[in-house]
Amino acid sequence: MFADPTGAHAGAFAAVFATLYVAHQIADHWVQTQWQADTKGQPGWIGRLACAAHVATYTLTAAAALCAMLLATGMRLDPWGLAVGLTVSAVSHYIADRRTPLRHIANALGAGRFYALGAPRPGRDDNPSLGTGAYALDQSWHIGFLFVAALFCAV
């Protein structure tokens, strides 16, 4: 695609992807509030607001992590590429975390049974956990789009 005899683009991509991945883990599991986690998938404006609040703090965490990485390494990246990459990350994160779109995508791709794996059953006292198909698909969706975001940020 682009000639890069020095490997600078590859190095930038690796640094950006690693930074976005770390920021993702922190923002999704430490920064996100319980209210955001409990409410972001609900229908209507309350769910949209909770998801938007989560995506805002998620994106701020990613931006802060990228700034720290750039300051620490002296690396320079195109501001427009960073803006596009962070936008890709934010929009894709919102889509997945509203839950219904991700469930529809899983169903359309034949992964509906996997999406439902481990989900609490209606009328039962099942313990919800992170060990569900929905969580696995959510996280793999996010990581896939972190890859795309890192491509935009680094090139």
C-alpha atoms as a PDB file:
ATOM      1  CA  MET A   1       0.000   0.000   0.000  1.00  0.00           C
ATOM      2  CA  PHE A   2       2.554   2.611   1.143  1.00  0.00           C
ATOM      3  CA  ALA A   3       6.276   2.196   0.699  1.00  0.00           C
ATOM      4  CA  ASP A   4       7.823   2.321   4.158  1.00  0.00           C
ATOM      5  CA  PRO A   5      11.453   1.194   3.969  1.00  0.00           C
ATOM      6  CA  THR A   6      12.167   2.394   7.526  1.00  0.00           C
ATOM      7  CA  GLY A   7       9.279   0.495   9.106  1.00  0.00           C
ATOM      8  CA  ALA A   8       8.040   3.710  10.733  1.00  0.00           C
ATOM      9  CA  HIS A   9       4.412   3.074   9.813  1.00  0.00           C
ATOM     10  CA  ALA A  10       4.577  -0.479  11.160  1.00  0.00           C
ATOM     11  CA  GLY A  11       6.151   0.740  14.385  1.00  0.00           C
ATOM     12  CA  ALA A  12       3.594   3.517  14.726  1.00  0.00           C
ATOM     13  CA  PHE A  13       0.765   1.058  14.090  1.00  0.00           C
ATOM     14  CA  ALA A  14       2.097  -1.354  16.732  1.00  0.00           C
ATOM     15  CA  ALA A  15       2.521   1.417  19.315  1.00  0.00           C
ATOM     16  CA  VAL A  16      -0.910   2.892  18.601  1.00  0.00           C
ATOM     17  CA  PHE A  17      -2.675  -0.479  18.633  1.00  0.00           C
ATOM     18  CA  ALA A  18      -1.028  -1.467  21.924  1.00  0.00           C
ATOM     19  CA  THR A  19      -1.957   1.906  23.422  1.00  0.00           C
ATOM     20  CA  LEU A  20      -5.568   1.689  22.234  1.00  0.00           C
ATOM     21  CA  TYR A  21      -5.841  -1.874  23.545  1.00  0.00           C
ATOM     22  CA  VAL A  22      -4.594  -0.872  27.002  1.00  0.00           C
ATOM     23  CA  ALA A  23      -6.891   2.168  27.013  1.00  0.00           C
ATOM     24  CA  HIS A  24      -9.786  -0.074  25.986  1.00  0.00           C
ATOM     25  CA  GLN A  25      -9.223  -2.423  28.915  1.00  0.00           C
ATOM     26  CA  ILE A  26      -8.988   0.452  31.376  1.00  0.00           C
ATOM     27  CA  ALA A  27     -11.937   2.419  29.973  1.00  0.00           C
ATOM     28  CA  ASP A  28     -14.254  -0.557  29.533  1.00  0.00           C
ATOM     29  CA  HIS A  29     -13.571  -2.138  32.918  1.00  0.00           C
ATOM     30  CA  TRP A  30     -12.312   0.582  35.285  1.00  0.00           C
ATOM     31  CA  VAL A  31     -13.530   3.953  33.990  1.00  0.00           C
ATOM     32  CA  GLN A  32     -17.038   2.883  32.975  1.00  0.00           C
ATOM     33  CA  THR A  33     -19.486   3.535  35.812  1.00  0.00           C
ATOM     34  CA  GLN A  34     -21.896   0.905  37.060  1.00  0.00           C
ATOM     35  CA  TRP A  35     -24.805   3.072  35.891  1.00  0.00           C
ATOM     36  CA  GLN A  36     -23.342   3.203  32.375  1.00  0.00           C
ATOM     37  CA  ALA A  37     -22.763  -0.560  32.329  1.00  0.00           C
ATOM     38  CA  ASP A  38     -26.262  -1.324  33.611  1.00  0.00           C
ATOM     39  CA  THR A  39     -28.111   1.219  31.466  1.00  0.00           C
ATOM     40  CA  LYS A  40     -26.277   1.595  28.117  1.00  0.00           C
ATOM     41  CA  GLY A  41     -28.178  -1.260  26.464  1.00  0.00           C
ATOM     42  CA  GLN A  42     -31.641  -0.145  27.575  1.00  0.00           C
ATOM     43  CA  PRO A  43     -34.087   1.130  24.967  1.00  0.00           C
ATOM     44  CA  GLY A  44     -34.861   4.809  24.589  1.00  0.00           C
ATOM     45  CA  TRP A  45     -33.070   7.963  25.555  1.00  0.00           C
ATOM     46  CA  ILE A  46     -31.825   6.745  28.926  1.00  0.00           C
ATOM     47  CA  GLY A  47     -29.923   3.909  27.242  1.00  0.00           C
ATOM     48  CA  ARG A  48     -28.592   6.209  24.525  1.00  0.00           C
ATOM     49  CA  LEU A  49     -27.454   8.744  27.128  1.00  0.00           C
ATOM     50  CA  ALA A  50     -25.715   6.106  29.258  1.00  0.00           C
ATOM     51  CA  CYS A  51     -23.981   4.667  26.204  1.00  0.00           C
ATOM     52  CA  ALA A  52     -22.928   8.115  24.979  1.00  0.00           C
ATOM     53  CA  ALA A  53     -21.523   8.931  28.433  1.00  0.00           C
ATOM     54  CA  HIS A  54     -19.563   5.666  28.426  1.00  0.00           C
ATOM     55  CA  VAL A  55     -18.251   6.256  24.901  1.00  0.00           C
ATOM     56  CA  ALA A  56     -17.214   9.800  25.859  1.00  0.00           C
ATOM     57  CA  THR A  57     -15.154   8.619  28.839  1.00  0.00           C
ATOM     58  CA  TYR A  58     -13.864   5.687  26.773  1.00  0.00           C
ATOM     59  CA  THR A  59     -12.670   8.038  24.028  1.00  0.00           C
ATOM     60  CA  LEU A  60     -11.135  10.474  26.518  1.00  0.00           C
ATOM     61  CA  THR A  61      -9.250   7.569  28.089  1.00  0.00           C
ATOM     62  CA  ALA A  62      -7.959   6.522  24.656  1.00  0.00           C
ATOM     63  CA  ALA A  63      -6.948  10.096  23.811  1.00  0.00           C
ATOM     64  CA  ALA A  64      -5.130  10.490  27.143  1.00  0.00           C
ATOM     65  CA  ALA A  65      -3.311   7.190  26.640  1.00  0.00           C
ATOM     66  CA  LEU A  66      -2.289   8.176  23.104  1.00  0.00           C
ATOM     67  CA  CYS A  67      -1.029  11.558  24.359  1.00  0.00           C
ATOM     68  CA  ALA A  68       1.008   9.825  27.056  1.00  0.00           C
ATOM     69  CA  MET A  69       2.461   7.373  24.520  1.00  0.00           C
ATOM     70  CA  LEU A  70       3.343  10.182  22.112  1.00  0.00           C
ATOM     71  CA  LEU A  71       4.965  12.261  24.857  1.00  0.00           C
ATOM     72  CA  ALA A  72       6.932   9.289  26.154  1.00  0.00           C
ATOM     73  CA  THR A  73       8.168   8.142  22.749  1.00  0.00           C
ATOM     74  CA  GLY A  74       8.504  11.430  20.874  1.00  0.00           C
ATOM     75  CA  MET A  75       6.512   9.838  18.063  1.00  0.00           C
ATOM     76  CA  ARG A  76       4.549  12.188  15.809  1.00  0.00           C
ATOM     77  CA  LEU A  77       1.248  11.242  14.232  1.00  0.00           C
ATOM     78  CA  ASP A  78      -1.048  13.135  11.908  1.00  0.00           C
ATOM     79  CA  PRO A  79      -3.785  14.863  13.971  1.00  0.00           C
ATOM     80  CA  TRP A  80      -6.397  14.117  11.297  1.00  0.00           C
ATOM     81  CA  GLY A  81      -5.491  10.440  11.305  1.00  0.00           C
ATOM     82  CA  LEU A  82      -5.783  10.400  15.088  1.00  0.00           C
ATOM     83  CA  ALA A  83      -9.165  12.137  14.901  1.00  0.00           C
ATOM     84  CA  VAL A  84     -10.452   9.660  12.313  1.00  0.00           C
ATOM     85  CA  GLY A  85      -9.102   6.693  14.274  1.00  0.00           C
ATOM     86  CA  LEU A  86     -10.671   7.854  17.537  1.00  0.00           C
ATOM     87  CA  THR A  87     -13.953   8.506  15.722  1.00  0.00           C
ATOM     88  CA  VAL A  88     -13.946   4.983  14.243  1.00  0.00           C
ATOM     89  CA  SER A  89     -13.294   3.609  17.715  1.00  0.00           C
ATOM     90  CA  ALA A  90     -16.033   5.719  19.334  1.00  0.00           C
ATOM     91  CA  VAL A  91     -18.740   5.019  16.743  1.00  0.00           C
ATOM     92  CA  SER A  92     -18.040   1.289  16.608  1.00  0.00           C
ATOM     93  CA  HIS A  93     -17.980   1.158  20.405  1.00  0.00           C
ATOM     94  CA  TYR A  94     -21.362   2.878  20.648  1.00  0.00           C
ATOM     95  CA  ILE A  95     -22.884   0.472  18.104  1.00  0.00           C
ATOM     96  CA  ALA A  96     -21.710  -2.608  20.008  1.00  0.00           C
ATOM     97  CA  ASP A  97     -22.553  -1.283  23.460  1.00  0.00           C
ATOM     98  CA  ARG A  98     -26.161  -0.482  22.587  1.00  0.00           C
ATOM     99  CA  ARG A  99     -26.342  -4.298  22.523  1.00  0.00           C
ATOM    100  CA  THR A 100     -29.275  -4.707  20.114  1.00  0.00           C
ATOM    101  CA  PRO A 101     -27.197  -3.947  16.975  1.00  0.00           C
ATOM    102  CA  LEU A 102     -24.522  -6.446  18.014  1.00  0.00           C
ATOM    103  CA  ARG A 103     -27.162  -9.106  18.714  1.00  0.00           C
ATOM    104  CA  HIS A 104     -28.711  -8.470  15.274  1.00  0.00           C
ATOM    105  CA  ILE A 105     -25.290  -8.718  13.618  1.00  0.00           C
ATOM    106  CA  ALA A 106     -24.563 -11.962  15.472  1.00  0.00           C
ATOM    107  CA  ASN A 107     -27.922 -13.387  14.395  1.00  0.00           C
ATOM    108  CA  ALA A 108     -27.384 -12.309  10.776  1.00  0.00           C
ATOM    109  CA  LEU A 109     -23.971 -14.013  10.725  1.00  0.00           C
ATOM    110  CA  GLY A 110     -25.294 -17.222  12.262  1.00  0.00           C
ATOM    111  CA  ALA A 111     -23.723 -16.578  15.688  1.00  0.00           C
ATOM    112  CA  GLY A 112     -26.977 -16.000  17.566  1.00  0.00           C
ATOM    113  CA  ARG A 113     -26.655 -19.144  19.676  1.00  0.00           C
ATOM    114  CA  PHE A 114     -23.096 -18.203  20.618  1.00  0.00           C
ATOM    115  CA  TYR A 115     -24.263 -14.658  21.502  1.00  0.00           C
ATOM    116  CA  ALA A 116     -26.836 -16.152  23.900  1.00  0.00           C
ATOM    117  CA  LEU A 117     -24.329 -18.595  25.457  1.00  0.00           C
ATOM    118  CA  GLY A 118     -24.148 -18.138  29.223  1.00  0.00           C
ATOM    119  CA  ALA A 119     -26.875 -15.483  29.398  1.00  0.00           C
ATOM    120  CA  PRO A 120     -29.147 -15.624  32.446  1.00  0.00           C
ATOM    121  CA  ARG A 121     -32.376 -17.453  31.647  1.00  0.00           C
ATOM    122  CA  PRO A 122     -35.675 -15.623  32.101  1.00  0.00           C
ATOM    123  CA  GLY A 123     -37.377 -16.567  35.355  1.00  0.00           C
ATOM    124  CA  ARG A 124     -34.247 -18.246  36.758  1.00  0.00           C
ATOM    125  CA  ASP A 125     -31.806 -17.093  39.393  1.00  0.00           C
ATOM    126  CA  ASP A 126     -28.851 -17.449  37.043  1.00  0.00           C
ATOM    127  CA  ASN A 127     -25.800 -15.401  37.898  1.00  0.00           C
ATOM    128  CA  PRO A 128     -24.810 -13.043  35.052  1.00  0.00           C
ATOM    129  CA  SER A 129     -21.090 -13.122  34.336  1.00  0.00           C
ATOM    130  CA  LEU A 130     -18.459 -11.960  31.892  1.00  0.00           C
ATOM    131  CA  GLY A 131     -18.239 -15.506  30.588  1.00  0.00           C
ATOM    132  CA  THR A 132     -21.013 -15.060  28.043  1.00  0.00           C
ATOM    133  CA  GLY A 133     -21.060 -15.272  24.286  1.00  0.00           C
ATOM    134  CA  ALA A 134     -22.366 -11.693  24.176  1.00  0.00           C
ATOM    135  CA  TYR A 135     -19.327 -10.474  26.133  1.00  0.00           C
ATOM    136  CA  ALA A 136     -16.901 -12.433  23.934  1.00  0.00           C
ATOM    137  CA  LEU A 137     -18.466 -11.055  20.739  1.00  0.00           C
ATOM    138  CA  ASP A 138     -18.555  -7.536  22.226  1.00  0.00           C
ATOM    139  CA  GLN A 139     -14.868  -7.629  23.110  1.00  0.00           C
ATOM    140  CA  SER A 140     -13.789  -9.149  19.795  1.00  0.00           C
ATOM    141  CA  TRP A 141     -15.827  -6.484  17.956  1.00  0.00           C
ATOM    142  CA  HIS A 142     -14.074  -3.749  19.953  1.00  0.00           C
ATOM    143  CA  ILE A 143     -10.609  -5.194  19.385  1.00  0.00           C
ATOM    144  CA  GLY A 144     -11.278  -5.601  15.661  1.00  0.00           C
ATOM    145  CA  PHE A 145     -12.225  -1.953  15.413  1.00  0.00           C
ATOM    146  CA  LEU A 146      -9.212  -0.941  17.512  1.00  0.00           C
ATOM    147  CA  PHE A 147      -7.164  -2.537  14.716  1.00  0.00           C
ATOM    148  CA  VAL A 148      -8.969  -0.377  12.128  1.00  0.00           C
ATOM    149  CA  ALA A 149      -8.640   2.724  14.327  1.00  0.00           C
ATOM    150  CA  ALA A 150      -4.904   2.101  14.755  1.00  0.00           C
ATOM    151  CA  LEU A 151      -4.504   1.873  10.978  1.00  0.00           C
ATOM    152  CA  PHE A 152      -6.071   5.314  10.568  1.00  0.00           C
ATOM    153  CA  CYS A 153      -4.043   6.774  13.434  1.00  0.00           C
ATOM    154  CA  ALA A 154      -0.708   5.427  12.238  1.00  0.00           C
ATOM    155  CA  VAL A 155      -0.768   6.027   8.471  1.00  0.00           C
END
